[in-house]
């Protein structure tokens, strides 16, 4: 039985949490491509993936909290909080999986912002 995309993505985040970014290559395909549309960047291959994550400025080990993973046999989406204890981010990642490996990842790192005052009467803070 082959793994679903959800299983592969859960393993991806488990491996990311080790902070051994070369180990993550176990779930990346030979033709792996990651796009960051918000900064108009593309990364190709396991080695560049490991180098980028290893070289990214951090104040300590990265920690990942997986809020949700949804998908099917070939596609999955994850919502994950990321922190090094100082920097905090949230990534929404779309994965395409074939033969138990991630071939394509499109990732969005939205910036938090203060809510506009004009809708304050309709909204409440998320706790």
C-alpha atoms as a PDB file:
ATOM      1  CA  UNK A   1       0.000   0.000   0.000  1.00  0.00           C
ATOM      2  CA  UNK A   2       1.413   3.394  -0.951  1.00  0.00           C
ATOM      3  CA  UNK A   3       1.390   6.315   1.451  1.00  0.00           C
ATOM      4  CA  UNK A   4      -1.162   9.066   0.965  1.00  0.00           C
ATOM      5  CA  UNK A   5       0.028  12.632   0.435  1.00  0.00           C
ATOM      6  CA  UNK A   6      -1.158  13.372   3.974  1.00  0.00           C
ATOM      7  CA  UNK A   7       1.144  10.649   5.365  1.00  0.00           C
ATOM      8  CA  UNK A   8       4.113  11.953   3.366  1.00  0.00           C
ATOM      9  CA  UNK A   9       3.505  15.543   4.480  1.00  0.00           C
ATOM     10  CA  UNK A  10       3.226  14.503   8.132  1.00  0.00           C
ATOM     11  CA  UNK A  11       6.576  12.717   7.731  1.00  0.00           C
ATOM     12  CA  UNK A  12       8.022  15.842   6.079  1.00  0.00           C
ATOM     13  CA  UNK A  13       7.103  17.948   9.124  1.00  0.00           C
ATOM     14  CA  UNK A  14       8.359  15.242  11.511  1.00  0.00           C
ATOM     15  CA  UNK A  15      11.714  15.316   9.717  1.00  0.00           C
ATOM     16  CA  UNK A  16      11.765  19.135   9.641  1.00  0.00           C
ATOM     17  CA  UNK A  17      11.378  19.095  13.431  1.00  0.00           C
ATOM     18  CA  UNK A  18      14.686  17.218  13.748  1.00  0.00           C
ATOM     19  CA  UNK A  19      16.440  20.287  12.258  1.00  0.00           C
ATOM     20  CA  UNK A  20      18.458  17.829  10.148  1.00  0.00           C
ATOM     21  CA  UNK A  21      17.423  19.335   6.837  1.00  0.00           C
ATOM     22  CA  UNK A  22      19.441  16.824   4.800  1.00  0.00           C
ATOM     23  CA  UNK A  23      17.285  14.071   6.351  1.00  0.00           C
ATOM     24  CA  UNK A  24      14.181  15.739   4.895  1.00  0.00           C
ATOM     25  CA  UNK A  25      15.526  14.726   1.483  1.00  0.00           C
ATOM     26  CA  UNK A  26      14.173  11.231   2.195  1.00  0.00           C
ATOM     27  CA  UNK A  27      10.691  12.487   1.271  1.00  0.00           C
ATOM     28  CA  UNK A  28      11.729  14.833  -1.556  1.00  0.00           C
ATOM     29  CA  UNK A  29      11.685  13.617  -5.162  1.00  0.00           C
ATOM     30  CA  UNK A  30      14.695  13.870  -7.468  1.00  0.00           C
ATOM     31  CA  UNK A  31      12.898  16.667  -9.365  1.00  0.00           C
ATOM     32  CA  UNK A  32      11.690  18.492  -6.213  1.00  0.00           C
ATOM     33  CA  UNK A  33      10.684  22.137  -6.728  1.00  0.00           C
ATOM     34  CA  UNK A  34       9.525  24.626  -4.088  1.00  0.00           C
ATOM     35  CA  UNK A  35       7.965  27.993  -4.935  1.00  0.00           C
ATOM     36  CA  UNK A  36       7.534  30.976  -2.611  1.00  0.00           C
ATOM     37  CA  UNK A  37       5.114  33.140  -4.647  1.00  0.00           C
ATOM     38  CA  UNK A  38       5.105  36.045  -2.166  1.00  0.00           C
ATOM     39  CA  UNK A  39       8.831  36.656  -2.728  1.00  0.00           C
ATOM     40  CA  UNK A  40       8.853  35.340  -6.323  1.00  0.00           C
ATOM     41  CA  UNK A  41      11.461  32.645  -5.566  1.00  0.00           C
ATOM     42  CA  UNK A  42      11.924  29.067  -6.763  1.00  0.00           C
ATOM     43  CA  UNK A  43      14.192  26.417  -5.249  1.00  0.00           C
ATOM     44  CA  UNK A  44      15.145  23.181  -7.020  1.00  0.00           C
ATOM     45  CA  UNK A  45      16.512  20.003  -5.495  1.00  0.00           C
ATOM     46  CA  UNK A  46      17.257  18.365  -2.153  1.00  0.00           C
ATOM     47  CA  UNK A  47      20.721  19.881  -1.708  1.00  0.00           C
ATOM     48  CA  UNK A  48      19.529  23.452  -2.162  1.00  0.00           C
ATOM     49  CA  UNK A  49      16.572  22.732   0.118  1.00  0.00           C
ATOM     50  CA  UNK A  50      18.916  21.502   2.871  1.00  0.00           C
ATOM     51  CA  UNK A  51      21.357  24.384   2.341  1.00  0.00           C
ATOM     52  CA  UNK A  52      18.625  27.044   2.385  1.00  0.00           C
ATOM     53  CA  UNK A  53      17.102  25.721   5.603  1.00  0.00           C
ATOM     54  CA  UNK A  54      20.506  25.200   7.250  1.00  0.00           C
ATOM     55  CA  UNK A  55      21.724  28.698   6.299  1.00  0.00           C
ATOM     56  CA  UNK A  56      18.509  30.523   7.230  1.00  0.00           C
ATOM     57  CA  UNK A  57      19.318  32.895  10.142  1.00  0.00           C
ATOM     58  CA  UNK A  58      18.001  31.366  13.366  1.00  0.00           C
ATOM     59  CA  UNK A  59      18.312  32.099  17.086  1.00  0.00           C
ATOM     60  CA  UNK A  60      18.006  28.429  18.009  1.00  0.00           C
ATOM     61  CA  UNK A  61      16.528  25.193  16.723  1.00  0.00           C
ATOM     62  CA  UNK A  62      13.370  25.506  14.670  1.00  0.00           C
ATOM     63  CA  UNK A  63      10.167  24.189  16.236  1.00  0.00           C
ATOM     64  CA  UNK A  64       7.088  23.314  14.207  1.00  0.00           C
ATOM     65  CA  UNK A  65       3.474  23.047  15.328  1.00  0.00           C
ATOM     66  CA  UNK A  66       1.309  21.314  12.743  1.00  0.00           C
ATOM     67  CA  UNK A  67      -2.193  22.720  13.066  1.00  0.00           C
ATOM     68  CA  UNK A  68      -3.739  20.816  10.183  1.00  0.00           C
ATOM     69  CA  UNK A  69      -2.973  18.617   7.196  1.00  0.00           C
ATOM     70  CA  UNK A  70      -5.693  17.843   4.651  1.00  0.00           C
ATOM     71  CA  UNK A  71      -5.526  16.164   1.285  1.00  0.00           C
ATOM     72  CA  UNK A  72      -5.853  12.947  -0.662  1.00  0.00           C
ATOM     73  CA  UNK A  73      -3.557  10.396  -2.300  1.00  0.00           C
ATOM     74  CA  UNK A  74      -1.628  12.910  -4.416  1.00  0.00           C
ATOM     75  CA  UNK A  75      -2.064  16.354  -2.864  1.00  0.00           C
ATOM     76  CA  UNK A  76      -1.971  17.798   0.642  1.00  0.00           C
ATOM     77  CA  UNK A  77      -2.100  21.189   2.328  1.00  0.00           C
ATOM     78  CA  UNK A  78      -0.600  21.967   5.717  1.00  0.00           C
ATOM     79  CA  UNK A  79      -1.006  24.863   8.142  1.00  0.00           C
ATOM     80  CA  UNK A  80       2.081  25.052  10.369  1.00  0.00           C
ATOM     81  CA  UNK A  81       3.472  27.524  12.909  1.00  0.00           C
ATOM     82  CA  UNK A  82       7.255  27.877  12.933  1.00  0.00           C
ATOM     83  CA  UNK A  83       9.510  29.443  15.559  1.00  0.00           C
ATOM     84  CA  UNK A  84      13.126  29.546  16.638  1.00  0.00           C
ATOM     85  CA  UNK A  85      12.099  31.110  19.958  1.00  0.00           C
ATOM     86  CA  UNK A  86      12.487  34.666  18.622  1.00  0.00           C
ATOM     87  CA  UNK A  87      11.104  34.604  15.086  1.00  0.00           C
ATOM     88  CA  UNK A  88       7.543  33.388  14.610  1.00  0.00           C
ATOM     89  CA  UNK A  89       5.834  32.543  11.333  1.00  0.00           C
ATOM     90  CA  UNK A  90       2.973  30.606   9.883  1.00  0.00           C
ATOM     91  CA  UNK A  91       3.258  28.684   6.640  1.00  0.00           C
ATOM     92  CA  UNK A  92       0.479  27.454   4.404  1.00  0.00           C
ATOM     93  CA  UNK A  93       2.043  24.804   2.153  1.00  0.00           C
ATOM     94  CA  UNK A  94       0.591  22.988  -0.841  1.00  0.00           C
ATOM     95  CA  UNK A  95       2.260  19.671  -1.737  1.00  0.00           C
ATOM     96  CA  UNK A  96       2.087  17.454  -4.811  1.00  0.00           C
ATOM     97  CA  UNK A  97       3.131  13.875  -4.008  1.00  0.00           C
ATOM     98  CA  UNK A  98       3.884  10.962  -6.340  1.00  0.00           C
ATOM     99  CA  UNK A  99       5.311   7.564  -5.434  1.00  0.00           C
ATOM    100  CA  UNK A 100       5.676   8.536  -1.782  1.00  0.00           C
ATOM    101  CA  UNK A 101       7.794  11.650  -2.473  1.00  0.00           C
ATOM    102  CA  UNK A 102       7.125  15.375  -2.634  1.00  0.00           C
ATOM    103  CA  UNK A 103       7.609  16.652  -6.182  1.00  0.00           C
ATOM    104  CA  UNK A 104       6.283  20.162  -5.775  1.00  0.00           C
ATOM    105  CA  UNK A 105       5.709  22.480  -2.852  1.00  0.00           C
ATOM    106  CA  UNK A 106       4.145  25.935  -3.028  1.00  0.00           C
ATOM    107  CA  UNK A 107       4.467  27.786   0.241  1.00  0.00           C
ATOM    108  CA  UNK A 108       2.949  31.010   1.533  1.00  0.00           C
ATOM    109  CA  UNK A 109       4.374  32.874   4.542  1.00  0.00           C
ATOM    110  CA  UNK A 110       1.757  35.560   5.259  1.00  0.00           C
ATOM    111  CA  UNK A 111       2.655  38.497   7.486  1.00  0.00           C
ATOM    112  CA  UNK A 112       0.379  39.095  10.479  1.00  0.00           C
ATOM    113  CA  UNK A 113      -1.350  42.467  10.685  1.00  0.00           C
ATOM    114  CA  UNK A 114      -3.613  44.417  13.013  1.00  0.00           C
ATOM    115  CA  UNK A 115      -7.303  44.130  12.149  1.00  0.00           C
ATOM    116  CA  UNK A 116      -8.948  47.205  10.647  1.00  0.00           C
ATOM    117  CA  UNK A 117     -11.104  49.223  13.045  1.00  0.00           C
ATOM    118  CA  UNK A 118     -14.052  49.315  10.597  1.00  0.00           C
ATOM    119  CA  UNK A 119     -14.965  45.688  11.305  1.00  0.00           C
ATOM    120  CA  UNK A 120     -14.186  45.571  15.016  1.00  0.00           C
ATOM    121  CA  UNK A 121     -17.930  45.535  15.842  1.00  0.00           C
ATOM    122  CA  UNK A 122     -18.290  42.258  13.852  1.00  0.00           C
ATOM    123  CA  UNK A 123     -15.185  40.369  14.892  1.00  0.00           C
ATOM    124  CA  UNK A 124     -13.568  38.901  17.998  1.00  0.00           C
ATOM    125  CA  UNK A 125      -9.943  37.943  18.680  1.00  0.00           C
ATOM    126  CA  UNK A 126      -8.851  34.343  18.126  1.00  0.00           C
ATOM    127  CA  UNK A 127      -7.624  33.012  21.454  1.00  0.00           C
END
